[in-house]
Amino acid sequence: MKAKLKIWVPTLLLALPLILAGLAKLSGVPELHQSFKMMGLPEWFGYFIGALELLAGIGLLVPKWAALAATGMVPILLGAAYFHLTYAVPSAVPALILLLLALVIVTLRRKQAIWYPV
């Protein structure tokens, strides 16, 4: 039971915010699309990132896909941290914590993955 908690706690701590953020971006919440405008990215890019966040959040809940989903989130979370640091937007800490959770999940779920590069 303890081993399962070690895996599921970080998984849920990453999956839930990703699913919620993805749904909010896909719903067109203006505050979540403002960052993409500030960086000069096209409007569709926010929806694309939202779709990736939603898919990754769902993928994290499937043990065979969790390591790949977490790996896919690494560049997105690095981009979020970059945005917060570069554009002097409040704290990059949440993005960095989610990045850390993604790396923990990769480590914990890598051996169960349907496929994962060595």
PDB file of N, CA and C in Angstrom:
ATOM      1  N   MET A   1       0.808  -1.199   0.000  1.00  0.00           N
ATOM      2  CA  MET A   1       0.000   0.000   0.000  1.00  0.00           C
ATOM      3  C   MET A   1       0.853   1.265   0.000  1.00  0.00           C
ATOM      4  N   LYS A   2       1.929   1.267   0.794  1.00  0.00           N
ATOM      5  CA  LYS A   2       2.815   2.420   0.867  1.00  0.00           C
ATOM      6  C   LYS A   2       3.470   2.702  -0.482  1.00  0.00           C
ATOM      7  N   ALA A   3       3.861   1.644  -1.179  1.00  0.00           N
ATOM      8  CA  ALA A   3       4.502   1.802  -2.487  1.00  0.00           C
ATOM      9  C   ALA A   3       3.539   2.430  -3.492  1.00  0.00           C
ATOM     10  N   LYS A   4       2.276   2.027  -3.425  1.00  0.00           N
ATOM     11  CA  LYS A   4       1.282   2.596  -4.339  1.00  0.00           C
ATOM     12  C   LYS A   4       1.074   4.079  -4.048  1.00  0.00           C
ATOM     13  N   LEU A   5       1.076   4.458  -2.766  1.00  0.00           N
ATOM     14  CA  LEU A   5       0.924   5.871  -2.415  1.00  0.00           C
ATOM     15  C   LEU A   5       2.090   6.693  -2.928  1.00  0.00           C
ATOM     16  N   LYS A   6       3.305   6.119  -2.873  1.00  0.00           N
ATOM     17  CA  LYS A   6       4.490   6.814  -3.363  1.00  0.00           C
ATOM     18  C   LYS A   6       4.378   7.136  -4.846  1.00  0.00           C
ATOM     19  N   ILE A   7       3.655   6.316  -5.567  1.00  0.00           N
ATOM     20  CA  ILE A   7       3.483   6.543  -6.997  1.00  0.00           C
ATOM     21  C   ILE A   7       2.274   7.434  -7.275  1.00  0.00           C
ATOM     22  N   TRP A   8       1.158   7.188  -6.602  1.00  0.00           N
ATOM     23  CA  TRP A   8      -0.085   7.886  -6.936  1.00  0.00           C
ATOM     24  C   TRP A   8      -0.169   9.311  -6.406  1.00  0.00           C
ATOM     25  N   VAL A   9       0.474   9.606  -5.301  1.00  0.00           N
ATOM     26  CA  VAL A   9       0.419  10.977  -4.774  1.00  0.00           C
ATOM     27  C   VAL A   9       1.052  11.964  -5.761  1.00  0.00           C
ATOM     28  N   PRO A  10       2.314  11.753  -6.204  1.00  0.00           N
ATOM     29  CA  PRO A  10       2.866  12.707  -7.185  1.00  0.00           C
ATOM     30  C   PRO A  10       2.103  12.688  -8.515  1.00  0.00           C
ATOM     31  N   THR A  11       1.588  11.526  -8.881  1.00  0.00           N
ATOM     32  CA  THR A  11       0.829  11.429 -10.124  1.00  0.00           C
ATOM     33  C   THR A  11      -0.409  12.309 -10.070  1.00  0.00           C
ATOM     34  N   LEU A  12      -1.166  12.215  -8.996  1.00  0.00           N
ATOM     35  CA  LEU A  12      -2.379  13.031  -8.867  1.00  0.00           C
ATOM     36  C   LEU A  12      -2.052  14.514  -8.693  1.00  0.00           C
ATOM     37  N   LEU A  13      -0.948  14.803  -7.996  1.00  0.00           N
ATOM     38  CA  LEU A  13      -0.546  16.197  -7.809  1.00  0.00           C
ATOM     39  C   LEU A  13      -0.147  16.855  -9.127  1.00  0.00           C
ATOM     40  N   LEU A  14       0.263  16.059 -10.104  1.00  0.00           N
ATOM     41  CA  LEU A  14       0.580  16.601 -11.427  1.00  0.00           C
ATOM     42  C   LEU A  14      -0.614  16.502 -12.370  1.00  0.00           C
ATOM     43  N   ALA A  15      -1.312  15.376 -12.337  1.00  0.00           N
ATOM     44  CA  ALA A  15      -2.401  15.150 -13.294  1.00  0.00           C
ATOM     45  C   ALA A  15      -3.551  16.147 -13.101  1.00  0.00           C
ATOM     46  N   LEU A  16      -3.964  16.377 -11.874  1.00  0.00           N
ATOM     47  CA  LEU A  16      -5.118  17.252 -11.636  1.00  0.00           C
ATOM     48  C   LEU A  16      -4.901  18.687 -12.124  1.00  0.00           C
ATOM     49  N   PRO A  17      -3.767  19.326 -11.792  1.00  0.00           N
ATOM     50  CA  PRO A  17      -3.571  20.686 -12.317  1.00  0.00           C
ATOM     51  C   PRO A  17      -3.459  20.711 -13.846  1.00  0.00           C
ATOM     52  N   LEU A  18      -2.856  19.674 -14.422  1.00  0.00           N
ATOM     53  CA  LEU A  18      -2.739  19.644 -15.886  1.00  0.00           C
ATOM     54  C   LEU A  18      -4.108  19.514 -16.546  1.00  0.00           C
ATOM     55  N   ILE A  19      -4.929  18.633 -16.009  1.00  0.00           N
ATOM     56  CA  ILE A  19      -6.269  18.447 -16.576  1.00  0.00           C
ATOM     57  C   ILE A  19      -7.077  19.743 -16.451  1.00  0.00           C
ATOM     58  N   LEU A  20      -7.031  20.365 -15.285  1.00  0.00           N
ATOM     59  CA  LEU A  20      -7.785  21.607 -15.074  1.00  0.00           C
ATOM     60  C   LEU A  20      -7.252  22.750 -15.941  1.00  0.00           C
ATOM     61  N   ALA A  21      -5.928  22.886 -16.018  1.00  0.00           N
ATOM     62  CA  ALA A  21      -5.345  23.952 -16.849  1.00  0.00           C
ATOM     63  C   ALA A  21      -5.644  23.700 -18.323  1.00  0.00           C
ATOM     64  N   GLY A  22      -5.561  22.445 -18.737  1.00  0.00           N
ATOM     65  CA  GLY A  22      -5.868  22.114 -20.125  1.00  0.00           C
ATOM     66  C   GLY A  22      -7.304  22.431 -20.475  1.00  0.00           C
ATOM     67  N   LEU A  23      -8.227  22.055 -19.602  1.00  0.00           N
ATOM     68  CA  LEU A  23      -9.643  22.358 -19.841  1.00  0.00           C
ATOM     69  C   LEU A  23      -9.892  23.869 -19.877  1.00  0.00           C
ATOM     70  N   ALA A  24      -9.236  24.591 -18.987  1.00  0.00           N
ATOM     71  CA  ALA A  24      -9.418  26.047 -18.955  1.00  0.00           C
ATOM     72  C   ALA A  24      -8.873  26.696 -20.232  1.00  0.00           C
ATOM     73  N   LYS A  25      -7.722  26.239 -20.692  1.00  0.00           N
ATOM     74  CA  LYS A  25      -7.167  26.795 -21.937  1.00  0.00           C
ATOM     75  C   LYS A  25      -8.060  26.448 -23.115  1.00  0.00           C
ATOM     76  N   LEU A  26      -8.544  25.223 -23.159  1.00  0.00           N
ATOM     77  CA  LEU A  26      -9.426  24.819 -24.250  1.00  0.00           C
ATOM     78  C   LEU A  26     -10.761  25.557 -24.205  1.00  0.00           C
ATOM     79  N   SER A  27     -11.151  26.007 -23.014  1.00  0.00           N
ATOM     80  CA  SER A  27     -12.385  26.782 -22.864  1.00  0.00           C
ATOM     81  C   SER A  27     -12.182  28.243 -23.261  1.00  0.00           C
ATOM     82  N   GLY A  28     -10.933  28.632 -23.464  1.00  0.00           N
ATOM     83  CA  GLY A  28     -10.637  29.995 -23.896  1.00  0.00           C
ATOM     84  C   GLY A  28     -10.551  31.011 -22.786  1.00  0.00           C
ATOM     85  N   VAL A  29     -10.240  30.596 -21.565  1.00  0.00           N
ATOM     86  CA  VAL A  29     -10.104  31.544 -20.448  1.00  0.00           C
ATOM     87  C   VAL A  29      -9.016  32.562 -20.823  1.00  0.00           C
ATOM     88  N   PRO A  30      -9.384  33.836 -20.950  1.00  0.00           N
ATOM     89  CA  PRO A  30      -8.451  34.858 -21.451  1.00  0.00           C
ATOM     90  C   PRO A  30      -7.154  34.971 -20.647  1.00  0.00           C
ATOM     91  N   GLU A  31      -7.244  34.867 -19.323  1.00  0.00           N
ATOM     92  CA  GLU A  31      -6.043  35.003 -18.490  1.00  0.00           C
ATOM     93  C   GLU A  31      -4.998  33.936 -18.812  1.00  0.00           C
ATOM     94  N   LEU A  32      -5.446  32.773 -19.229  1.00  0.00           N
ATOM     95  CA  LEU A  32      -4.507  31.696 -19.532  1.00  0.00           C
ATOM     96  C   LEU A  32      -3.928  31.808 -20.938  1.00  0.00           C
ATOM     97  N   HIS A  33      -4.530  32.632 -21.770  1.00  0.00           N
ATOM     98  CA  HIS A  33      -4.019  32.836 -23.124  1.00  0.00           C
ATOM     99  C   HIS A  33      -3.176  34.110 -23.223  1.00  0.00           C
ATOM    100  N   GLN A  34      -3.231  34.932 -22.196  1.00  0.00           N
ATOM    101  CA  GLN A  34      -2.488  36.189 -22.181  1.00  0.00           C
ATOM    102  C   GLN A  34      -0.978  35.952 -22.303  1.00  0.00           C
ATOM    103  N   SER A  35      -0.466  34.909 -21.658  1.00  0.00           N
ATOM    104  CA  SER A  35       0.973  34.645 -21.692  1.00  0.00           C
ATOM    105  C   SER A  35       1.450  34.367 -23.117  1.00  0.00           C
ATOM    106  N   PHE A  36       0.642  33.664 -23.890  1.00  0.00           N
ATOM    107  CA  PHE A  36       1.028  33.346 -25.260  1.00  0.00           C
ATOM    108  C   PHE A  36       1.062  34.606 -26.116  1.00  0.00           C
ATOM    109  N   LYS A  37       0.111  35.518 -25.879  1.00  0.00           N
ATOM    110  CA  LYS A  37       0.095  36.801 -26.588  1.00  0.00           C
ATOM    111  C   LYS A  37       1.336  37.613 -26.237  1.00  0.00           C
ATOM    112  N   MET A  38       1.692  37.630 -24.936  1.00  0.00           N
ATOM    113  CA  MET A  38       2.859  38.395 -24.485  1.00  0.00           C
ATOM    114  C   MET A  38       4.138  37.912 -25.159  1.00  0.00           C
ATOM    115  N   MET A  39       4.210  36.612 -25.438  1.00  0.00           N
ATOM    116  CA  MET A  39       5.403  36.049 -26.078  1.00  0.00           C
ATOM    117  C   MET A  39       5.339  36.129 -27.601  1.00  0.00           C
ATOM    118  N   GLY A  40       4.262  36.696 -28.119  1.00  0.00           N
ATOM    119  CA  GLY A  40       4.131  36.846 -29.561  1.00  0.00           C
ATOM    120  C   GLY A  40       3.755  35.549 -30.276  1.00  0.00           C
ATOM    121  N   LEU A  41       3.170  34.623 -29.568  1.00  0.00           N
ATOM    122  CA  LEU A  41       2.768  33.352 -30.167  1.00  0.00           C
ATOM    123  C   LEU A  41       1.351  33.470 -30.715  1.00  0.00           C
ATOM    124  N   PRO A  42       1.029  32.694 -31.748  1.00  0.00           N
ATOM    125  CA  PRO A  42      -0.318  32.772 -32.316  1.00  0.00           C
ATOM    126  C   PRO A  42      -1.374  32.257 -31.338  1.00  0.00           C
ATOM    127  N   GLU A  43      -2.599  32.700 -31.538  1.00  0.00           N
ATOM    128  CA  GLU A  43      -3.696  32.353 -30.634  1.00  0.00           C
ATOM    129  C   GLU A  43      -3.909  30.841 -30.517  1.00  0.00           C
ATOM    130  N   TRP A  44      -3.763  30.120 -31.628  1.00  0.00           N
ATOM    131  CA  TRP A  44      -4.011  28.684 -31.625  1.00  0.00           C
ATOM    132  C   TRP A  44      -3.029  27.941 -30.726  1.00  0.00           C
ATOM    133  N   PHE A  45      -1.858  28.541 -30.475  1.00  0.00           N
ATOM    134  CA  PHE A  45      -0.840  27.856 -29.682  1.00  0.00           C
ATOM    135  C   PHE A  45      -1.315  27.597 -28.255  1.00  0.00           C
ATOM    136  N   GLY A  46      -2.067  28.519 -27.683  1.00  0.00           N
ATOM    137  CA  GLY A  46      -2.614  28.323 -26.339  1.00  0.00           C
ATOM    138  C   GLY A  46      -3.568  27.138 -26.293  1.00  0.00           C
ATOM    139  N   TYR A  47      -4.368  26.993 -27.344  1.00  0.00           N
ATOM    140  CA  TYR A  47      -5.292  25.848 -27.420  1.00  0.00           C
ATOM    141  C   TYR A  47      -4.512  24.544 -27.606  1.00  0.00           C
ATOM    142  N   PHE A  48      -3.442  24.604 -28.396  1.00  0.00           N
ATOM    143  CA  PHE A  48      -2.589  23.436 -28.609  1.00  0.00           C
ATOM    144  C   PHE A  48      -1.969  22.978 -27.289  1.00  0.00           C
ATOM    145  N   ILE A  49      -1.410  23.923 -26.540  1.00  0.00           N
ATOM    146  CA  ILE A  49      -0.813  23.591 -25.234  1.00  0.00           C
ATOM    147  C   ILE A  49      -1.891  23.060 -24.296  1.00  0.00           C
ATOM    148  N   GLY A  50      -3.066  23.648 -24.320  1.00  0.00           N
ATOM    149  CA  GLY A  50      -4.173  23.155 -23.487  1.00  0.00           C
ATOM    150  C   GLY A  50      -4.525  21.716 -23.813  1.00  0.00           C
ATOM    151  N   ALA A  51      -4.570  21.386 -25.105  1.00  0.00           N
ATOM    152  CA  ALA A  51      -4.862  20.004 -25.511  1.00  0.00           C
ATOM    153  C   ALA A  51      -3.768  19.061 -25.026  1.00  0.00           C
ATOM    154  N   LEU A  52      -2.517  19.492 -25.146  1.00  0.00           N
ATOM    155  CA  LEU A  52      -1.408  18.650 -24.673  1.00  0.00           C
ATOM    156  C   LEU A  52      -1.470  18.453 -23.161  1.00  0.00           C
ATOM    157  N   GLU A  53      -1.790  19.499 -22.431  1.00  0.00           N
ATOM    158  CA  GLU A  53      -1.904  19.383 -20.970  1.00  0.00           C
ATOM    159  C   GLU A  53      -3.030  18.420 -20.590  1.00  0.00           C
ATOM    160  N   LEU A  54      -4.160  18.546 -21.252  1.00  0.00           N
ATOM    161  CA  LEU A  54      -5.286  17.658 -20.957  1.00  0.00           C
ATOM    162  C   LEU A  54      -4.931  16.210 -21.268  1.00  0.00           C
ATOM    163  N   LEU A  55      -4.347  15.969 -22.434  1.00  0.00           N
ATOM    164  CA  LEU A  55      -3.963  14.599 -22.816  1.00  0.00           C
ATOM    165  C   LEU A  55      -2.900  14.030 -21.875  1.00  0.00           C
ATOM    166  N   ALA A  56      -1.927  14.856 -21.514  1.00  0.00           N
ATOM    167  CA  ALA A  56      -0.885  14.387 -20.591  1.00  0.00           C
ATOM    168  C   ALA A  56      -1.477  14.086 -19.218  1.00  0.00           C
ATOM    169  N   GLY A  57      -2.372  14.939 -18.748  1.00  0.00           N
ATOM    170  CA  GLY A  57      -3.013  14.706 -17.447  1.00  0.00           C
ATOM    171  C   GLY A  57      -3.765  13.390 -17.422  1.00  0.00           C
ATOM    172  N   ILE A  58      -4.480  13.100 -18.500  1.00  0.00           N
ATOM    173  CA  ILE A  58      -5.186  11.814 -18.595  1.00  0.00           C
ATOM    174  C   ILE A  58      -4.187  10.672 -18.725  1.00  0.00           C
ATOM    175  N   GLY A  59      -3.153  10.869 -19.539  1.00  0.00           N
ATOM    176  CA  GLY A  59      -2.126   9.831 -19.727  1.00  0.00           C
ATOM    177  C   GLY A  59      -1.406   9.481 -18.434  1.00  0.00           C
ATOM    178  N   LEU A  60      -1.232  10.449 -17.565  1.00  0.00           N
ATOM    179  CA  LEU A  60      -0.576  10.191 -16.278  1.00  0.00           C
ATOM    180  C   LEU A  60      -1.356   9.188 -15.433  1.00  0.00           C
ATOM    181  N   LEU A  61      -2.659   9.119 -15.642  1.00  0.00           N
ATOM    182  CA  LEU A  61      -3.500   8.226 -14.847  1.00  0.00           C
ATOM    183  C   LEU A  61      -3.488   6.787 -15.361  1.00  0.00           C
ATOM    184  N   VAL A  62      -2.844   6.567 -16.492  1.00  0.00           N
ATOM    185  CA  VAL A  62      -2.718   5.220 -17.069  1.00  0.00           C
ATOM    186  C   VAL A  62      -1.260   4.789 -16.866  1.00  0.00           C
ATOM    187  N   PRO A  63      -1.011   3.839 -15.963  1.00  0.00           N
ATOM    188  CA  PRO A  63       0.367   3.490 -15.620  1.00  0.00           C
ATOM    189  C   PRO A  63       1.296   3.232 -16.817  1.00  0.00           C
ATOM    190  N   LYS A  64       0.811   2.592 -17.856  1.00  0.00           N
ATOM    191  CA  LYS A  64       1.677   2.298 -19.010  1.00  0.00           C
ATOM    192  C   LYS A  64       2.032   3.540 -19.823  1.00  0.00           C
ATOM    193  N   TRP A  65       1.257   4.606 -19.662  1.00  0.00           N
ATOM    194  CA  TRP A  65       1.494   5.843 -20.406  1.00  0.00           C
ATOM    195  C   TRP A  65       2.068   6.961 -19.541  1.00  0.00           C
ATOM    196  N   ALA A  66       2.106   6.755 -18.225  1.00  0.00           N
ATOM    197  CA  ALA A  66       2.472   7.832 -17.300  1.00  0.00           C
ATOM    198  C   ALA A  66       3.868   8.396 -17.543  1.00  0.00           C
ATOM    199  N   ALA A  67       4.860   7.549 -17.743  1.00  0.00           N
ATOM    200  CA  ALA A  67       6.235   8.038 -17.943  1.00  0.00           C
ATOM    201  C   ALA A  67       6.338   8.864 -19.217  1.00  0.00           C
ATOM    202  N   LEU A  68       5.679   8.423 -20.277  1.00  0.00           N
ATOM    203  CA  LEU A  68       5.719   9.177 -21.535  1.00  0.00           C
ATOM    204  C   LEU A  68       4.958  10.494 -21.407  1.00  0.00           C
ATOM    205  N   ALA A  69       3.826  10.475 -20.729  1.00  0.00           N
ATOM    206  CA  ALA A  69       3.055  11.704 -20.522  1.00  0.00           C
ATOM    207  C   ALA A  69       3.864  12.707 -19.703  1.00  0.00           C
ATOM    208  N   ALA A  70       4.517  12.232 -18.659  1.00  0.00           N
ATOM    209  CA  ALA A  70       5.331  13.121 -17.827  1.00  0.00           C
ATOM    210  C   ALA A  70       6.516  13.668 -18.614  1.00  0.00           C
ATOM    211  N   THR A  71       7.124  12.832 -19.433  1.00  0.00           N
ATOM    212  CA  THR A  71       8.245  13.287 -20.265  1.00  0.00           C
ATOM    213  C   THR A  71       7.784  14.363 -21.244  1.00  0.00           C
ATOM    214  N   GLY A  72       6.614  14.178 -21.817  1.00  0.00           N
ATOM    215  CA  GLY A  72       6.077  15.163 -22.743  1.00  0.00           C
ATOM    216  C   GLY A  72       5.792  16.506 -22.105  1.00  0.00           C
ATOM    217  N   MET A  73       5.551  16.505 -20.820  1.00  0.00           N
ATOM    218  CA  MET A  73       5.270  17.761 -20.119  1.00  0.00           C
ATOM    219  C   MET A  73       6.534  18.538 -19.765  1.00  0.00           C
ATOM    220  N   VAL A  74       7.684  17.892 -19.783  1.00  0.00           N
ATOM    221  CA  VAL A  74       8.924  18.572 -19.383  1.00  0.00           C
ATOM    222  C   VAL A  74       9.174  19.839 -20.202  1.00  0.00           C
ATOM    223  N   PRO A  75       9.153  19.791 -21.544  1.00  0.00           N
ATOM    224  CA  PRO A  75       9.410  21.048 -22.269  1.00  0.00           C
ATOM    225  C   PRO A  75       8.324  22.107 -22.050  1.00  0.00           C
ATOM    226  N   ILE A  76       7.095  21.680 -21.857  1.00  0.00           N
ATOM    227  CA  ILE A  76       6.017  22.640 -21.619  1.00  0.00           C
ATOM    228  C   ILE A  76       6.207  23.320 -20.264  1.00  0.00           C
ATOM    229  N   LEU A  77       6.574  22.556 -19.261  1.00  0.00           N
ATOM    230  CA  LEU A  77       6.796  23.130 -17.934  1.00  0.00           C
ATOM    231  C   LEU A  77       8.047  24.004 -17.902  1.00  0.00           C
ATOM    232  N   LEU A  78       9.072  23.620 -18.661  1.00  0.00           N
ATOM    233  CA  LEU A  78      10.250  24.483 -18.780  1.00  0.00           C
ATOM    234  C   LEU A  78       9.861  25.804 -19.445  1.00  0.00           C
ATOM    235  N   GLY A  79       8.998  25.726 -20.455  1.00  0.00           N
ATOM    236  CA  GLY A  79       8.514  26.937 -21.116  1.00  0.00           C
ATOM    237  C   GLY A  79       7.723  27.817 -20.163  1.00  0.00           C
ATOM    238  N   ALA A  80       6.908  27.203 -19.316  1.00  0.00           N
ATOM    239  CA  ALA A  80       6.141  27.969 -18.331  1.00  0.00           C
ATOM    240  C   ALA A  80       7.076  28.663 -17.344  1.00  0.00           C
ATOM    241  N   ALA A  81       8.084  27.948 -16.870  1.00  0.00           N
ATOM    242  CA  ALA A  81       9.052  28.553 -15.940  1.00  0.00           C
ATOM    243  C   ALA A  81       9.804  29.689 -16.632  1.00  0.00           C
ATOM    244  N   TYR A  82      10.202  29.473 -17.881  1.00  0.00           N
ATOM    245  CA  TYR A  82      10.892  30.504 -18.657  1.00  0.00           C
ATOM    246  C   TYR A  82      10.028  31.760 -18.753  1.00  0.00           C
ATOM    247  N   PHE A  83       8.754  31.577 -19.077  1.00  0.00           N
ATOM    248  CA  PHE A  83       7.847  32.719 -19.197  1.00  0.00           C
ATOM    249  C   PHE A  83       7.796  33.503 -17.898  1.00  0.00           C
ATOM    250  N   HIS A  84       7.611  32.817 -16.782  1.00  0.00           N
ATOM    251  CA  HIS A  84       7.493  33.504 -15.494  1.00  0.00           C
ATOM    252  C   HIS A  84       8.770  34.241 -15.125  1.00  0.00           C
ATOM    253  N   LEU A  85       9.912  33.648 -15.438  1.00  0.00           N
ATOM    254  CA  LEU A  85      11.182  34.297 -15.107  1.00  0.00           C
ATOM    255  C   LEU A  85      11.498  35.453 -16.048  1.00  0.00           C
ATOM    256  N   THR A  86      11.243  35.281 -17.321  1.00  0.00           N
ATOM    257  CA  THR A  86      11.609  36.276 -18.324  1.00  0.00           C
ATOM    258  C   THR A  86      10.674  37.475 -18.351  1.00  0.00           C
ATOM    259  N   TYR A  87       9.403  37.251 -18.164  1.00  0.00           N
ATOM    260  CA  TYR A  87       8.420  38.323 -18.280  1.00  0.00           C
ATOM    261  C   TYR A  87       8.014  38.901 -16.929  1.00  0.00           C
ATOM    262  N   ALA A  88       8.779  38.597 -15.904  1.00  0.00           N
ATOM    263  CA  ALA A  88       8.552  39.147 -14.559  1.00  0.00           C
ATOM    264  C   ALA A  88       7.100  38.980 -14.105  1.00  0.00           C
ATOM    265  N   VAL A  89       6.566  37.838 -14.434  1.00  0.00           N
ATOM    266  CA  VAL A  89       5.224  37.478 -13.990  1.00  0.00           C
ATOM    267  C   VAL A  89       5.415  36.766 -12.653  1.00  0.00           C
ATOM    268  N   PRO A  90       4.458  36.867 -11.740  1.00  0.00           N
ATOM    269  CA  PRO A  90       4.669  36.217 -10.441  1.00  0.00           C
ATOM    270  C   PRO A  90       5.232  34.800 -10.554  1.00  0.00           C
ATOM    271  N   SER A  91       5.797  34.377  -9.535  1.00  0.00           N
ATOM    272  CA  SER A  91       6.581  33.176  -9.298  1.00  0.00           C
ATOM    273  C   SER A  91       6.558  32.038 -10.327  1.00  0.00           C
ATOM    274  N   ALA A  92       7.755  31.587 -10.637  1.00  0.00           N
ATOM    275  CA  ALA A  92       7.936  30.397 -11.482  1.00  0.00           C
ATOM    276  C   ALA A  92       7.915  29.134 -10.626  1.00  0.00           C
ATOM    277  N   VAL A  93       7.788  29.275  -9.332  1.00  0.00           N
ATOM    278  CA  VAL A  93       7.854  28.131  -8.418  1.00  0.00           C
ATOM    279  C   VAL A  93       6.808  27.052  -8.746  1.00  0.00           C
ATOM    280  N   PRO A  94       5.545  27.395  -9.000  1.00  0.00           N
ATOM    281  CA  PRO A  94       4.587  26.324  -9.322  1.00  0.00           C
ATOM    282  C   PRO A  94       5.007  25.503 -10.554  1.00  0.00           C
ATOM    283  N   ALA A  95       5.473  26.167 -11.593  1.00  0.00           N
ATOM    284  CA  ALA A  95       5.917  25.445 -12.786  1.00  0.00           C
ATOM    285  C   ALA A  95       7.112  24.549 -12.458  1.00  0.00           C
ATOM    286  N   LEU A  96       8.012  25.039 -11.632  1.00  0.00           N
ATOM    287  CA  LEU A  96       9.188  24.244 -11.265  1.00  0.00           C
ATOM    288  C   LEU A  96       8.803  23.052 -10.384  1.00  0.00           C
ATOM    289  N   ILE A  97       7.814  23.228  -9.519  1.00  0.00           N
ATOM    290  CA  ILE A  97       7.338  22.112  -8.693  1.00  0.00           C
ATOM    291  C   ILE A  97       6.681  21.053  -9.582  1.00  0.00           C
ATOM    292  N   LEU A  98       5.871  21.493 -10.534  1.00  0.00           N
ATOM    293  CA  LEU A  98       5.253  20.536 -11.460  1.00  0.00           C
ATOM    294  C   LEU A  98       6.309  19.835 -12.305  1.00  0.00           C
ATOM    295  N   LEU A  99       7.357  20.559 -12.687  1.00  0.00           N
ATOM    296  CA  LEU A  99       8.465  19.950 -13.423  1.00  0.00           C
ATOM    297  C   LEU A  99       9.133  18.869 -12.572  1.00  0.00           C
ATOM    298  N   LEU A 100       9.375  19.158 -11.321  1.00  0.00           N
ATOM    299  CA  LEU A 100       9.962  18.176 -10.409  1.00  0.00           C
ATOM    300  C   LEU A 100       9.064  16.945 -10.279  1.00  0.00           C
ATOM    301  N   LEU A 101       7.763  17.162 -10.159  1.00  0.00           N
ATOM    302  CA  LEU A 101       6.819  16.036 -10.081  1.00  0.00           C
ATOM    303  C   LEU A 101       6.874  15.198 -11.360  1.00  0.00           C
ATOM    304  N   ALA A 102       6.973  15.855 -12.507  1.00  0.00           N
ATOM    305  CA  ALA A 102       7.068  15.119 -13.778  1.00  0.00           C
ATOM    306  C   ALA A 102       8.309  14.239 -13.792  1.00  0.00           C
ATOM    307  N   LEU A 103       9.427  14.764 -13.327  1.00  0.00           N
ATOM    308  CA  LEU A 103      10.671  13.977 -13.302  1.00  0.00           C
ATOM    309  C   LEU A 103      10.572  12.813 -12.318  1.00  0.00           C
ATOM    310  N   VAL A 104       9.904  13.031 -11.195  1.00  0.00           N
ATOM    311  CA  VAL A 104       9.689  11.949 -10.223  1.00  0.00           C
ATOM    312  C   VAL A 104       8.839  10.850 -10.851  1.00  0.00           C
ATOM    313  N   ILE A 105       7.797  11.234 -11.559  1.00  0.00           N
ATOM    314  CA  ILE A 105       6.910  10.250 -12.193  1.00  0.00           C
ATOM    315  C   ILE A 105       7.648   9.465 -13.270  1.00  0.00           C
ATOM    316  N   VAL A 106       8.479  10.144 -14.043  1.00  0.00           N
ATOM    317  CA  VAL A 106       9.280   9.423 -15.048  1.00  0.00           C
ATOM    318  C   VAL A 106      10.126   8.361 -14.356  1.00  0.00           C
ATOM    319  N   THR A 107      10.754   8.744 -13.264  1.00  0.00           N
ATOM    320  CA  THR A 107      11.603   7.799 -12.533  1.00  0.00           C
ATOM    321  C   THR A 107      10.798   6.624 -11.975  1.00  0.00           C
ATOM    322  N   LEU A 108       9.618   6.908 -11.426  1.00  0.00           N
ATOM    323  CA  LEU A 108       8.811   5.860 -10.798  1.00  0.00           C
ATOM    324  C   LEU A 108       8.099   4.955 -11.805  1.00  0.00           C
ATOM    325  N   ARG A 109       7.715   5.489 -12.946  1.00  0.00           N
ATOM    326  CA  ARG A 109       6.879   4.739 -13.897  1.00  0.00           C
ATOM    327  C   ARG A 109       7.625   4.233 -15.134  1.00  0.00           C
ATOM    328  N   ARG A 110       8.870   4.601 -15.284  1.00  0.00           N
ATOM    329  CA  ARG A 110       9.640   4.250 -16.481  1.00  0.00           C
ATOM    330  C   ARG A 110       9.623   2.756 -16.787  1.00  0.00           C
ATOM    331  N   LYS A 111       9.790   1.926 -15.774  1.00  0.00           N
ATOM    332  CA  LYS A 111       9.858   0.473 -15.981  1.00  0.00           C
ATOM    333  C   LYS A 111       8.507  -0.133 -16.346  1.00  0.00           C
ATOM    334  N   GLN A 112       7.415   0.558 -16.021  1.00  0.00           N
ATOM    335  CA  GLN A 112       6.073   0.061 -16.343  1.00  0.00           C
ATOM    336  C   GLN A 112       5.581   0.543 -17.702  1.00  0.00           C
ATOM    337  N   ALA A 113       6.339   1.442 -18.319  1.00  0.00           N
ATOM    338  CA  ALA A 113       5.894   2.091 -19.553  1.00  0.00           C
ATOM    339  C   ALA A 113       5.751   1.088 -20.687  1.00  0.00           C
ATOM    340  N   ILE A 114       4.791   1.383 -21.548  1.00  0.00           N
ATOM    341  CA  ILE A 114       4.576   0.566 -22.732  1.00  0.00           C
ATOM    342  C   ILE A 114       5.849   0.577 -23.593  1.00  0.00           C
ATOM    343  N   TRP A 115       6.543   1.707 -23.572  1.00  0.00           N
ATOM    344  CA  TRP A 115       7.839   1.885 -24.233  1.00  0.00           C
ATOM    345  C   TRP A 115       8.487   3.094 -23.618  1.00  0.00           C
ATOM    346  N   TYR A 116       9.778   3.008 -23.370  1.00  0.00           N
ATOM    347  CA  TYR A 116      10.516   4.174 -22.889  1.00  0.00           C
ATOM    348  C   TYR A 116      11.963   4.024 -23.298  1.00  0.00           C
ATOM    349  N   PRO A 117      12.552   5.064 -23.891  1.00  0.00           N
ATOM    350  CA  PRO A 117      13.956   4.964 -24.294  1.00  0.00           C
ATOM    351  C   PRO A 117      14.859   4.777 -23.075  1.00  0.00           C
ATOM    352  N   VAL A 118      15.852   3.997 -23.248  1.00  0.00           N
ATOM    353  CA  VAL A 118      16.755   3.681 -22.132  1.00  0.00           C
ATOM    354  C   VAL A 118      17.645   4.844 -21.791  1.00  0.00           C
TER     355      VAL A 118
END
